[in-house]
């Protein structure tokens, strides 16, 4: 790569020289495309999402370990770090797939490790962003699991609207945004069963808080605003 792509999310990398740019590449994925395979030692790179939305699914290495709730990677966020900085070789701990059409920047893992000493400010900025993301995910799960089905669902759907709008539309777009999650996936995220989600979506549809067309769920800007304040 001779120059960085035309994306606002690569500004953090703007000081890279031509030698470092050789270790970067652009990749494209279709929905459901596999970006990282769990338990694999191949393709040990760091990734920066430029367009679209990815989902991270962690699984326990044994039946005694907790299987965590999937979470999303949004444009401007890095992923694929933990295995690269492990002091001993570590297989990938999660599967990462494209939820929508995805464009990302791949950074060679060895080049990233070189930045520890060659570009410590950039290296620490990347680490800091990833740590903050994990704290946010933890807080969201705690909030959803301790709320009633409708309250948790409304907040989560409002969150999904925001991330899909950012991933798939222009900043000034206010029209309907497709929510790609199944009822099962929504239930997993808010720690509720599918029946509760079915009832919740049906109720929200009657109240005009969501729209359903050909079996697909949509939310517009006004609906997202009302969902965000639901029950308050």
Protein backbone atom coordinates (compact mmCIF):
# COMPACT_ATOMS: atom_id res chain seq x y z
CA UNK A 1 0.00 0.00 0.00
CA UNK A 2 1.52 3.33 -1.08
CA UNK A 3 -0.96 5.59 0.71
CA UNK A 4 -3.75 5.34 3.25
CA UNK A 5 -7.31 4.92 1.95
CA UNK A 6 -9.69 7.87 1.81
CA UNK A 7 -11.43 7.28 5.12
CA UNK A 8 -11.82 9.48 8.22
CA UNK A 9 -10.98 6.48 10.40
CA UNK A 10 -7.36 6.19 9.27
CA UNK A 11 -6.32 9.60 10.66
CA UNK A 12 -4.78 7.79 13.64
CA UNK A 13 -2.31 6.28 11.15
CA UNK A 14 -1.56 9.50 9.27
CA UNK A 15 2.10 9.68 10.39
CA UNK A 16 3.08 6.27 9.02
CA UNK A 17 6.01 6.26 6.60
CA UNK A 18 6.22 4.34 3.32
CA UNK A 19 7.96 1.39 4.97
CA UNK A 20 5.09 0.91 7.44
CA UNK A 21 2.48 1.37 4.71
CA UNK A 22 3.89 -1.70 2.95
CA UNK A 23 2.49 -3.78 5.82
CA UNK A 24 -1.10 -2.53 5.38
CA UNK A 25 -3.73 -3.81 2.96
CA UNK A 26 -7.43 -3.31 2.21
CA UNK A 27 -9.87 -6.22 2.40
CA UNK A 28 -13.54 -6.57 1.45
CA UNK A 29 -16.05 -9.10 2.78
CA UNK A 30 -19.65 -9.99 1.98
CA UNK A 31 -22.25 -10.51 4.75
CA UNK A 32 -21.48 -13.67 6.77
CA UNK A 33 -17.91 -13.69 5.43
CA UNK A 34 -15.35 -15.01 7.93
CA UNK A 35 -12.66 -12.51 8.89
CA UNK A 36 -11.10 -14.39 11.82
CA UNK A 37 -11.57 -18.10 12.56
CA UNK A 38 -11.58 -19.20 16.19
CA UNK A 39 -8.74 -21.55 17.28
CA UNK A 40 -6.71 -20.58 14.20
CA UNK A 41 -3.06 -19.44 14.14
CA UNK A 42 -3.29 -18.09 10.61
CA UNK A 43 -3.70 -14.48 9.49
CA UNK A 44 -2.41 -13.02 12.77
CA UNK A 45 -3.02 -9.39 11.93
CA UNK A 46 -4.68 -6.39 13.53
CA UNK A 47 -7.73 -5.00 11.73
CA UNK A 48 -9.28 -1.54 11.52
CA UNK A 49 -12.89 -1.49 10.34
CA UNK A 50 -13.55 1.20 7.72
CA UNK A 51 -17.07 0.38 6.50
CA UNK A 52 -19.82 -1.99 7.63
CA UNK A 53 -20.34 -3.95 10.82
CA UNK A 54 -18.61 -7.05 12.24
CA UNK A 55 -19.76 -9.39 14.98
CA UNK A 56 -17.38 -11.03 17.47
CA UNK A 57 -18.42 -14.37 18.93
CA UNK A 58 -16.30 -15.76 21.75
CA UNK A 59 -16.54 -19.39 22.79
CA UNK A 60 -15.10 -21.16 25.81
CA UNK A 61 -12.11 -23.43 25.32
CA UNK A 62 -13.81 -25.99 27.58
CA UNK A 63 -17.34 -26.70 28.74
CA UNK A 64 -16.48 -25.16 32.12
CA UNK A 65 -15.86 -21.70 30.67
CA UNK A 66 -18.48 -19.02 30.17
CA UNK A 67 -19.50 -18.35 26.58
CA UNK A 68 -19.79 -14.58 26.23
CA UNK A 69 -22.46 -12.61 24.43
CA UNK A 70 -21.49 -11.59 20.88
CA UNK A 71 -20.59 -7.95 20.40
CA UNK A 72 -20.11 -5.61 17.46
CA UNK A 73 -17.16 -3.85 15.88
CA UNK A 74 -18.07 -0.49 14.33
CA UNK A 75 -16.25 1.67 11.77
CA UNK A 76 -13.16 3.26 13.29
CA UNK A 77 -12.56 0.41 15.75
CA UNK A 78 -9.64 -2.03 15.89
CA UNK A 79 -9.93 -5.75 16.56
CA UNK A 80 -7.76 -8.87 16.64
CA UNK A 81 -5.25 -7.61 19.23
CA UNK A 82 -5.12 -9.95 22.23
CA UNK A 83 -3.51 -12.89 20.42
CA UNK A 84 -0.84 -10.63 18.88
CA UNK A 85 0.44 -9.28 22.19
CA UNK A 86 0.32 -12.59 24.09
CA UNK A 87 3.81 -13.51 25.44
CA UNK A 88 3.27 -17.07 24.18
CA UNK A 89 1.66 -18.19 20.89
CA UNK A 90 -2.11 -18.00 21.24
CA UNK A 91 -4.80 -19.24 18.88
CA UNK A 92 -7.59 -16.86 17.98
CA UNK A 93 -10.05 -16.68 20.87
CA UNK A 94 -13.11 -15.63 18.87
CA UNK A 95 -14.78 -15.87 15.49
CA UNK A 96 -15.23 -12.55 13.72
CA UNK A 97 -17.63 -12.34 10.78
CA UNK A 98 -19.05 -9.63 8.57
CA UNK A 99 -22.62 -8.75 9.52
CA UNK A 100 -23.01 -6.40 6.54
CA UNK A 101 -20.74 -5.74 3.55
CA UNK A 102 -17.40 -4.86 5.15
CA UNK A 103 -14.25 -2.96 4.17
CA UNK A 104 -11.32 -3.12 6.56
CA UNK A 105 -7.64 -2.27 6.83
CA UNK A 106 -5.35 -5.17 7.71
CA UNK A 107 -2.15 -4.38 9.63
CA UNK A 108 0.55 -7.05 9.73
CA UNK A 109 0.88 -8.36 13.29
CA UNK A 110 4.66 -8.17 13.36
CA UNK A 111 4.55 -4.57 12.17
CA UNK A 112 2.14 -3.74 15.00
CA UNK A 113 4.57 -5.25 17.54
CA UNK A 114 7.38 -3.15 16.07
CA UNK A 115 5.33 -0.05 16.90
CA UNK A 116 5.77 -0.79 20.63
CA UNK A 117 9.19 0.84 20.39
CA UNK A 118 9.13 2.53 16.98
CA UNK A 119 5.78 4.31 17.46
CA UNK A 120 4.78 4.00 21.14
CA UNK A 121 2.23 6.84 21.03
CA UNK A 122 0.32 5.16 18.18
CA UNK A 123 0.66 1.72 19.77
CA UNK A 124 -0.71 2.95 23.11
CA UNK A 125 -3.59 4.79 21.39
CA UNK A 126 -4.68 1.54 19.73
CA UNK A 127 -4.44 -0.39 23.02
CA UNK A 128 -6.41 2.30 24.85
CA UNK A 129 -9.24 2.29 22.30
CA UNK A 130 -9.63 -1.49 22.47
CA UNK A 131 -9.67 -1.53 26.29
CA UNK A 132 -12.35 1.17 26.38
CA UNK A 133 -14.46 -0.87 23.95
CA UNK A 134 -14.36 -3.92 26.22
CA UNK A 135 -15.41 -1.88 29.27
CA UNK A 136 -18.35 -0.50 27.28
CA UNK A 137 -19.42 -4.02 26.26
CA UNK A 138 -19.30 -5.18 29.86
CA UNK A 139 -21.40 -2.24 31.06
CA UNK A 140 -23.98 -2.81 28.30
CA UNK A 141 -24.40 -6.48 29.17
CA UNK A 142 -24.84 -5.65 32.86
CA UNK A 143 -27.47 -3.05 32.01
CA UNK A 144 -29.47 -5.29 29.66
CA UNK A 145 -29.40 -8.34 31.94
CA UNK A 146 -30.71 -6.33 34.91
CA UNK A 147 -33.56 -4.59 33.04
CA UNK A 148 -37.05 -5.82 32.13
CA UNK A 149 -37.49 -7.35 28.68
CA UNK A 150 -39.17 -4.31 27.11
CA UNK A 151 -36.84 -1.75 28.68
CA UNK A 152 -33.72 -3.75 27.74
CA UNK A 153 -35.08 -4.41 24.26
CA UNK A 154 -35.90 -0.76 23.61
CA UNK A 155 -32.44 0.37 24.66
CA UNK A 156 -30.77 -2.36 22.62
CA UNK A 157 -32.78 -1.63 19.49
CA UNK A 158 -31.91 2.05 19.83
CA UNK A 159 -28.24 1.03 20.09
CA UNK A 160 -28.55 -1.20 17.01
CA UNK A 161 -30.06 1.69 15.06
CA UNK A 162 -27.07 3.86 15.94
CA UNK A 163 -24.43 1.32 14.94
CA UNK A 164 -26.15 0.29 11.69
CA UNK A 165 -26.69 3.93 10.77
CA UNK A 166 -23.01 4.62 11.32
CA UNK A 167 -21.91 1.47 9.51
CA UNK A 168 -24.19 1.65 6.47
CA UNK A 169 -25.42 5.24 5.94
CA UNK A 170 -24.32 8.84 5.66
CA UNK A 171 -24.16 10.88 8.89
CA UNK A 172 -27.18 12.99 7.85
CA UNK A 173 -29.40 10.01 6.95
CA UNK A 174 -32.67 9.86 8.94
CA UNK A 175 -34.67 7.25 7.03
CA UNK A 176 -35.32 3.61 7.89
CA UNK A 177 -32.29 1.59 8.94
CA UNK A 178 -32.41 -2.16 8.59
CA UNK A 179 -31.68 -4.12 11.77
CA UNK A 180 -30.07 -7.38 10.65
CA UNK A 181 -30.47 -9.31 13.94
CA UNK A 182 -32.78 -12.29 14.31
CA UNK A 183 -35.04 -12.49 17.35
CA UNK A 184 -32.69 -15.16 18.74
CA UNK A 185 -29.71 -12.82 18.42
CA UNK A 186 -31.57 -9.98 20.11
CA UNK A 187 -32.57 -12.33 22.92
CA UNK A 188 -28.99 -13.46 23.43
CA UNK A 189 -27.76 -9.87 23.60
CA UNK A 190 -30.29 -8.75 26.23
CA UNK A 191 -30.31 -12.10 28.07
CA UNK A 192 -33.99 -12.81 27.38
CA UNK A 193 -35.71 -15.79 25.73
CA UNK A 194 -37.04 -15.72 22.17
CA UNK A 195 -40.69 -15.66 23.27
CA UNK A 196 -40.06 -12.48 25.26
CA UNK A 197 -38.41 -10.92 22.22
CA UNK A 198 -41.31 -11.97 19.95
CA UNK A 199 -43.79 -10.32 22.31
CA UNK A 200 -41.64 -7.23 22.64
CA UNK A 201 -41.25 -6.72 18.87
CA UNK A 202 -44.98 -7.25 18.34
CA UNK A 203 -45.78 -4.68 21.04
CA UNK A 204 -43.26 -2.18 19.67
CA UNK A 205 -44.70 -2.59 16.17
CA UNK A 206 -48.20 -1.77 17.43
CA UNK A 207 -46.85 1.32 19.21
CA UNK A 208 -45.08 2.50 16.05
CA UNK A 209 -41.65 2.11 17.60
CA UNK A 210 -40.38 -0.25 14.89
CA UNK A 211 -41.43 -1.20 11.37
CA UNK A 212 -41.46 -4.66 9.78
CA UNK A 213 -41.37 -5.14 6.00
CA UNK A 214 -41.18 -8.57 4.38
CA UNK A 215 -40.07 -10.05 7.68
CA UNK A 216 -37.23 -7.56 8.12
CA UNK A 217 -36.98 -5.09 10.99
CA UNK A 218 -36.45 -1.35 10.38
CA UNK A 219 -36.06 1.67 12.65
CA UNK A 220 -35.95 5.33 11.62
CA UNK A 221 -34.55 8.34 13.46
CA UNK A 222 -37.79 9.24 15.26
CA UNK A 223 -38.43 5.65 16.32
CA UNK A 224 -34.85 5.37 17.61
CA UNK A 225 -35.31 8.52 19.68
CA UNK A 226 -38.53 7.17 21.21
CA UNK A 227 -36.93 3.78 21.91
CA UNK A 228 -34.01 5.46 23.69
CA UNK A 229 -36.39 7.09 26.19
CA UNK A 230 -38.80 4.14 26.48
CA UNK A 231 -39.95 3.62 30.06
CA UNK A 232 -38.09 6.68 31.39
